[in-house]
Amino acid sequence: MLWHLRYLPGGDYAWIYIPATLAFTLIAGWLYNRTGGSLLLALLLHVTDGLIRPQGLGFVDGAAARMMWLPVVVYGAVATGLLMISWRWWTGREASSTAHQPVVLAPITSN
């Protein structure tokens, strides 16, 4: 996230992309952690981020400029969905597989 902030003063990065970058960071972190630390999948996600642009969807000139909000909405919706679905995991309150199993005591036998 901090890496992209250096582009703001020079105008190489639009201010509207800050929320999208934050949401994308949450998505990539979720993917990395939920796949057992697979760096390959997180890198593939980052690479594919640059493949879908408004110009590639047929928008040109002014229409492409108006579509700058698209990644903000898409990444924001996906990150919000992941936060809602995985809330227990994000907060560290995920139930373990043995948390609700009954305890069975063995009878005491005398020798």
N, C-alpha and C. Protein backbone atom coordinates (compact mmCIF):
# COMPACT_ATOMS: atom_id res chain seq x y z
N MET A 1 0.82 -1.18 0.00
CA MET A 1 0.00 0.00 0.00
C MET A 1 0.87 1.25 0.00
N LEU A 2 1.85 1.30 0.89
CA LEU A 2 2.71 2.49 0.98
C LEU A 2 3.53 2.70 -0.29
N TRP A 3 3.85 1.62 -0.98
CA TRP A 3 4.63 1.71 -2.20
C TRP A 3 3.94 2.61 -3.22
N HIS A 4 2.63 2.57 -3.32
CA HIS A 4 1.88 3.32 -4.32
C HIS A 4 1.72 4.80 -3.95
N LEU A 5 1.89 5.14 -2.69
CA LEU A 5 1.73 6.54 -2.28
C LEU A 5 2.79 7.45 -2.88
N ARG A 6 3.92 6.92 -3.24
CA ARG A 6 4.98 7.76 -3.82
C ARG A 6 4.61 8.30 -5.19
N TYR A 7 3.61 7.69 -5.85
CA TYR A 7 3.18 8.16 -7.16
C TYR A 7 2.21 9.33 -7.09
N LEU A 8 1.62 9.61 -5.93
CA LEU A 8 0.62 10.66 -5.81
C LEU A 8 1.14 12.07 -6.09
N PRO A 9 2.26 12.50 -5.51
CA PRO A 9 2.69 13.89 -5.74
C PRO A 9 3.00 14.19 -7.21
N GLY A 10 3.48 13.24 -7.96
CA GLY A 10 3.83 13.47 -9.35
C GLY A 10 2.65 13.40 -10.31
N GLY A 11 1.51 12.99 -9.80
CA GLY A 11 0.33 12.90 -10.66
C GLY A 11 0.25 11.61 -11.45
N ASP A 12 1.15 10.66 -11.16
CA ASP A 12 1.13 9.40 -11.89
C ASP A 12 0.06 8.45 -11.37
N TYR A 13 -0.57 8.81 -10.27
CA TYR A 13 -1.53 7.93 -9.61
C TYR A 13 -2.70 8.80 -9.15
N ALA A 14 -3.89 8.48 -9.57
CA ALA A 14 -5.05 9.28 -9.21
C ALA A 14 -5.44 9.04 -7.75
N TRP A 15 -5.88 10.08 -7.08
CA TRP A 15 -6.27 9.98 -5.67
C TRP A 15 -7.42 9.00 -5.47
N ILE A 16 -8.24 8.82 -6.48
CA ILE A 16 -9.39 7.93 -6.36
C ILE A 16 -8.95 6.47 -6.19
N TYR A 17 -7.71 6.17 -6.58
CA TYR A 17 -7.24 4.79 -6.49
C TYR A 17 -6.76 4.40 -5.09
N ILE A 18 -6.68 5.33 -4.16
CA ILE A 18 -6.23 4.99 -2.81
C ILE A 18 -7.17 3.98 -2.15
N PRO A 19 -8.50 4.19 -2.16
CA PRO A 19 -9.38 3.16 -1.58
C PRO A 19 -9.29 1.83 -2.32
N ALA A 20 -9.12 1.88 -3.64
CA ALA A 20 -8.99 0.63 -4.41
C ALA A 20 -7.71 -0.10 -4.02
N THR A 21 -6.63 0.63 -3.81
CA THR A 21 -5.37 0.01 -3.41
C THR A 21 -5.48 -0.62 -2.02
N LEU A 22 -6.15 0.06 -1.12
CA LEU A 22 -6.36 -0.50 0.21
C LEU A 22 -7.21 -1.77 0.13
N ALA A 23 -8.28 -1.73 -0.65
CA ALA A 23 -9.14 -2.91 -0.80
C ALA A 23 -8.37 -4.05 -1.46
N PHE A 24 -7.57 -3.74 -2.48
CA PHE A 24 -6.79 -4.78 -3.15
C PHE A 24 -5.78 -5.40 -2.19
N THR A 25 -5.22 -4.59 -1.29
CA THR A 25 -4.28 -5.11 -0.30
C THR A 25 -4.98 -6.10 0.63
N LEU A 26 -6.20 -5.79 1.04
CA LEU A 26 -6.97 -6.73 1.86
C LEU A 26 -7.25 -8.02 1.11
N ILE A 27 -7.62 -7.91 -0.16
CA ILE A 27 -7.92 -9.10 -0.97
C ILE A 27 -6.67 -9.96 -1.13
N ALA A 28 -5.55 -9.34 -1.48
CA ALA A 28 -4.32 -10.10 -1.68
C ALA A 28 -3.84 -10.73 -0.37
N GLY A 29 -3.97 -10.01 0.74
CA GLY A 29 -3.60 -10.57 2.04
C GLY A 29 -4.48 -11.74 2.42
N TRP A 30 -5.78 -11.62 2.15
CA TRP A 30 -6.71 -12.72 2.43
C TRP A 30 -6.33 -13.94 1.59
N LEU A 31 -6.08 -13.72 0.29
CA LEU A 31 -5.71 -14.83 -0.59
C LEU A 31 -4.42 -15.50 -0.13
N TYR A 32 -3.42 -14.70 0.19
CA TYR A 32 -2.14 -15.24 0.65
C TYR A 32 -2.32 -16.09 1.91
N ASN A 33 -3.03 -15.56 2.88
CA ASN A 33 -3.21 -16.27 4.15
C ASN A 33 -4.11 -17.48 4.03
N ARG A 34 -5.16 -17.40 3.24
CA ARG A 34 -6.10 -18.51 3.13
C ARG A 34 -5.60 -19.63 2.21
N THR A 35 -4.56 -19.40 1.44
CA THR A 35 -3.99 -20.46 0.60
C THR A 35 -2.73 -21.04 1.22
N GLY A 36 -2.57 -20.84 2.51
CA GLY A 36 -1.41 -21.40 3.19
C GLY A 36 -0.11 -20.68 2.87
N GLY A 37 -0.18 -19.41 2.52
CA GLY A 37 1.01 -18.64 2.24
C GLY A 37 1.52 -18.81 0.82
N SER A 38 0.61 -19.05 -0.13
CA SER A 38 1.02 -19.23 -1.52
C SER A 38 1.33 -17.87 -2.15
N LEU A 39 2.60 -17.58 -2.28
CA LEU A 39 3.02 -16.33 -2.90
C LEU A 39 2.70 -16.32 -4.38
N LEU A 40 2.73 -17.48 -5.02
CA LEU A 40 2.43 -17.57 -6.44
C LEU A 40 1.01 -17.06 -6.74
N LEU A 41 0.02 -17.48 -5.96
CA LEU A 41 -1.35 -17.04 -6.21
C LEU A 41 -1.52 -15.55 -5.95
N ALA A 42 -0.86 -15.03 -4.92
CA ALA A 42 -0.94 -13.60 -4.65
C ALA A 42 -0.29 -12.80 -5.78
N LEU A 43 0.82 -13.28 -6.30
CA LEU A 43 1.48 -12.61 -7.43
C LEU A 43 0.63 -12.68 -8.70
N LEU A 44 0.01 -13.82 -8.94
CA LEU A 44 -0.88 -13.94 -10.11
C LEU A 44 -2.06 -12.97 -10.00
N LEU A 45 -2.58 -12.81 -8.80
CA LEU A 45 -3.66 -11.84 -8.59
C LEU A 45 -3.18 -10.44 -8.92
N HIS A 46 -1.99 -10.09 -8.47
CA HIS A 46 -1.45 -8.76 -8.72
C HIS A 46 -1.19 -8.54 -10.21
N VAL A 47 -0.69 -9.55 -10.89
CA VAL A 47 -0.41 -9.43 -12.33
C VAL A 47 -1.71 -9.25 -13.11
N THR A 48 -2.74 -10.02 -12.75
CA THR A 48 -3.99 -9.93 -13.49
C THR A 48 -4.71 -8.61 -13.21
N ASP A 49 -4.35 -7.91 -12.15
CA ASP A 49 -4.95 -6.61 -11.86
C ASP A 49 -4.71 -5.64 -13.01
N GLY A 50 -3.57 -5.69 -13.60
CA GLY A 50 -3.25 -4.77 -14.69
C GLY A 50 -3.80 -5.17 -16.04
N LEU A 51 -4.39 -6.33 -16.14
CA LEU A 51 -4.89 -6.80 -17.44
C LEU A 51 -6.25 -6.23 -17.81
N ILE A 52 -7.08 -5.92 -16.83
CA ILE A 52 -8.42 -5.42 -17.12
C ILE A 52 -8.46 -3.92 -16.89
N ARG A 53 -8.60 -3.18 -17.95
CA ARG A 53 -8.65 -1.72 -17.91
C ARG A 53 -9.83 -1.25 -18.75
N PRO A 54 -10.34 -0.04 -18.49
CA PRO A 54 -11.48 0.46 -19.27
C PRO A 54 -11.24 0.47 -20.78
N GLN A 55 -10.01 0.76 -21.20
CA GLN A 55 -9.71 0.77 -22.63
C GLN A 55 -9.89 -0.62 -23.23
N GLY A 56 -9.57 -1.64 -22.47
CA GLY A 56 -9.74 -3.00 -22.95
C GLY A 56 -11.19 -3.44 -23.02
N LEU A 57 -12.06 -2.74 -22.31
CA LEU A 57 -13.49 -3.04 -22.34
C LEU A 57 -14.23 -2.22 -23.39
N GLY A 58 -13.49 -1.44 -24.18
CA GLY A 58 -14.08 -0.68 -25.27
C GLY A 58 -14.32 0.79 -24.96
N PHE A 59 -13.96 1.25 -23.78
CA PHE A 59 -14.12 2.65 -23.43
C PHE A 59 -12.90 3.43 -23.90
N VAL A 60 -13.10 4.57 -24.52
CA VAL A 60 -11.99 5.38 -25.01
C VAL A 60 -12.19 6.83 -24.57
N ASP A 61 -11.11 7.55 -24.53
CA ASP A 61 -11.08 8.98 -24.23
C ASP A 61 -11.85 9.34 -22.96
N GLY A 62 -12.89 10.18 -23.09
CA GLY A 62 -13.64 10.66 -21.94
C GLY A 62 -14.36 9.54 -21.20
N ALA A 63 -14.86 8.57 -21.95
CA ALA A 63 -15.56 7.45 -21.31
C ALA A 63 -14.60 6.64 -20.44
N ALA A 64 -13.38 6.46 -20.91
CA ALA A 64 -12.38 5.73 -20.13
C ALA A 64 -12.02 6.51 -18.86
N ALA A 65 -11.94 7.83 -18.95
CA ALA A 65 -11.64 8.65 -17.78
C ALA A 65 -12.77 8.56 -16.75
N ARG A 66 -14.02 8.47 -17.22
CA ARG A 66 -15.15 8.37 -16.30
C ARG A 66 -15.22 7.00 -15.64
N MET A 67 -14.54 6.03 -16.20
CA MET A 67 -14.56 4.67 -15.63
C MET A 67 -13.48 4.47 -14.57
N MET A 68 -12.83 5.53 -14.13
CA MET A 68 -11.80 5.41 -13.10
C MET A 68 -12.37 4.86 -11.80
N TRP A 69 -13.64 5.04 -11.58
CA TRP A 69 -14.27 4.57 -10.35
C TRP A 69 -14.48 3.07 -10.35
N LEU A 70 -14.39 2.41 -11.51
CA LEU A 70 -14.68 0.98 -11.62
C LEU A 70 -13.84 0.11 -10.68
N PRO A 71 -12.51 0.23 -10.65
CA PRO A 71 -11.75 -0.61 -9.72
C PRO A 71 -12.06 -0.30 -8.26
N VAL A 72 -12.38 0.96 -7.96
CA VAL A 72 -12.72 1.32 -6.58
C VAL A 72 -13.96 0.55 -6.13
N VAL A 73 -14.97 0.53 -6.99
CA VAL A 73 -16.22 -0.15 -6.65
C VAL A 73 -16.04 -1.66 -6.59
N VAL A 74 -15.36 -2.22 -7.59
CA VAL A 74 -15.18 -3.68 -7.65
C VAL A 74 -14.34 -4.18 -6.48
N TYR A 75 -13.18 -3.57 -6.28
CA TYR A 75 -12.32 -4.02 -5.18
C TYR A 75 -12.96 -3.74 -3.83
N GLY A 76 -13.65 -2.62 -3.71
CA GLY A 76 -14.33 -2.32 -2.46
C GLY A 76 -15.41 -3.34 -2.15
N ALA A 77 -16.18 -3.74 -3.16
CA ALA A 77 -17.24 -4.74 -2.95
C ALA A 77 -16.66 -6.10 -2.58
N VAL A 78 -15.60 -6.51 -3.27
CA VAL A 78 -14.99 -7.80 -2.99
C VAL A 78 -14.36 -7.80 -1.59
N ALA A 79 -13.64 -6.73 -1.23
CA ALA A 79 -13.01 -6.66 0.09
C ALA A 79 -14.07 -6.63 1.19
N THR A 80 -15.16 -5.90 0.97
CA THR A 80 -16.24 -5.87 1.95
C THR A 80 -16.86 -7.25 2.11
N GLY A 81 -17.07 -7.94 0.99
CA GLY A 81 -17.61 -9.30 1.05
C GLY A 81 -16.69 -10.24 1.80
N LEU A 82 -15.39 -10.15 1.55
CA LEU A 82 -14.43 -11.02 2.26
C LEU A 82 -14.40 -10.70 3.75
N LEU A 83 -14.50 -9.42 4.08
CA LEU A 83 -14.53 -9.05 5.49
C LEU A 83 -15.78 -9.60 6.18
N MET A 84 -16.90 -9.54 5.50
CA MET A 84 -18.15 -10.02 6.08
C MET A 84 -18.16 -11.54 6.20
N ILE A 85 -17.72 -12.22 5.16
CA ILE A 85 -17.73 -13.68 5.16
C ILE A 85 -16.70 -14.25 6.13
N SER A 86 -15.54 -13.64 6.19
CA SER A 86 -14.43 -14.18 7.00
C SER A 86 -14.19 -13.37 8.26
N TRP A 87 -15.22 -12.75 8.82
CA TRP A 87 -15.03 -11.87 9.98
C TRP A 87 -14.34 -12.58 11.14
N ARG A 88 -14.75 -13.80 11.44
CA ARG A 88 -14.13 -14.53 12.56
C ARG A 88 -12.66 -14.80 12.28
N TRP A 89 -12.32 -15.06 11.03
CA TRP A 89 -10.92 -15.31 10.68
C TRP A 89 -10.10 -14.04 10.80
N TRP A 90 -10.62 -12.91 10.31
CA TRP A 90 -9.90 -11.64 10.37
C TRP A 90 -9.63 -11.22 11.81
N THR A 91 -10.59 -11.44 12.70
CA THR A 91 -10.45 -11.00 14.08
C THR A 91 -9.76 -12.02 14.97
N GLY A 92 -9.43 -13.18 14.43
CA GLY A 92 -8.73 -14.19 15.20
C GLY A 92 -9.65 -15.00 16.10
N ARG A 93 -10.94 -14.94 15.86
CA ARG A 93 -11.90 -15.68 16.67
C ARG A 93 -12.44 -16.89 15.94
N GLU A 94 -11.69 -17.40 15.02
CA GLU A 94 -12.14 -18.56 14.25
C GLU A 94 -12.21 -19.77 15.17
N ALA A 95 -13.32 -20.46 15.11
CA ALA A 95 -13.51 -21.63 15.97
C ALA A 95 -12.59 -22.75 15.53
N SER A 96 -11.96 -23.37 16.47
CA SER A 96 -11.11 -24.51 16.13
C SER A 96 -11.98 -25.75 15.97
N SER A 97 -11.42 -26.76 15.35
CA SER A 97 -12.20 -27.97 15.09
C SER A 97 -12.51 -28.75 16.36
N THR A 98 -11.80 -28.49 17.44
CA THR A 98 -12.04 -29.22 18.69
C THR A 98 -12.77 -28.37 19.73
N ALA A 99 -13.19 -27.18 19.38
CA ALA A 99 -13.76 -26.27 20.37
C ALA A 99 -15.09 -26.77 20.93
N HIS A 100 -15.93 -27.41 20.13
CA HIS A 100 -17.26 -27.78 20.59
C HIS A 100 -17.46 -29.28 20.70
N GLN A 101 -16.39 -30.03 20.74
CA GLN A 101 -16.51 -31.47 20.89
C GLN A 101 -16.67 -31.81 22.37
N PRO A 102 -17.59 -32.70 22.68
CA PRO A 102 -17.79 -33.06 24.09
C PRO A 102 -16.58 -33.83 24.63
N VAL A 103 -16.34 -33.66 25.89
CA VAL A 103 -15.25 -34.35 26.56
C VAL A 103 -15.81 -35.64 27.14
N VAL A 104 -15.22 -36.75 26.78
CA VAL A 104 -15.66 -38.06 27.28
C VAL A 104 -14.60 -38.55 28.26
N LEU A 105 -15.03 -38.77 29.48
CA LEU A 105 -14.11 -39.25 30.50
C LEU A 105 -14.15 -40.76 30.56
N ALA A 106 -12.99 -41.35 30.67
CA ALA A 106 -12.90 -42.81 30.79
C ALA A 106 -13.22 -43.21 32.24
N PRO A 107 -13.90 -44.32 32.43
CA PRO A 107 -14.21 -44.75 33.81
C PRO A 107 -12.91 -45.12 34.55
N ILE A 108 -12.93 -44.87 35.82
CA ILE A 108 -11.78 -45.19 36.66
C ILE A 108 -11.88 -46.67 37.03
N THR A 109 -10.84 -47.41 36.77
CA THR A 109 -10.82 -48.83 37.10
C THR A 109 -9.77 -49.07 38.18
N SER A 110 -10.08 -49.99 39.04
CA SER A 110 -9.09 -50.32 40.09
C SER A 110 -8.40 -51.61 39.71
N ASN A 111 -7.17 -51.71 40.05
CA ASN A 111 -6.38 -52.91 39.70
C ASN A 111 -6.31 -53.87 40.81
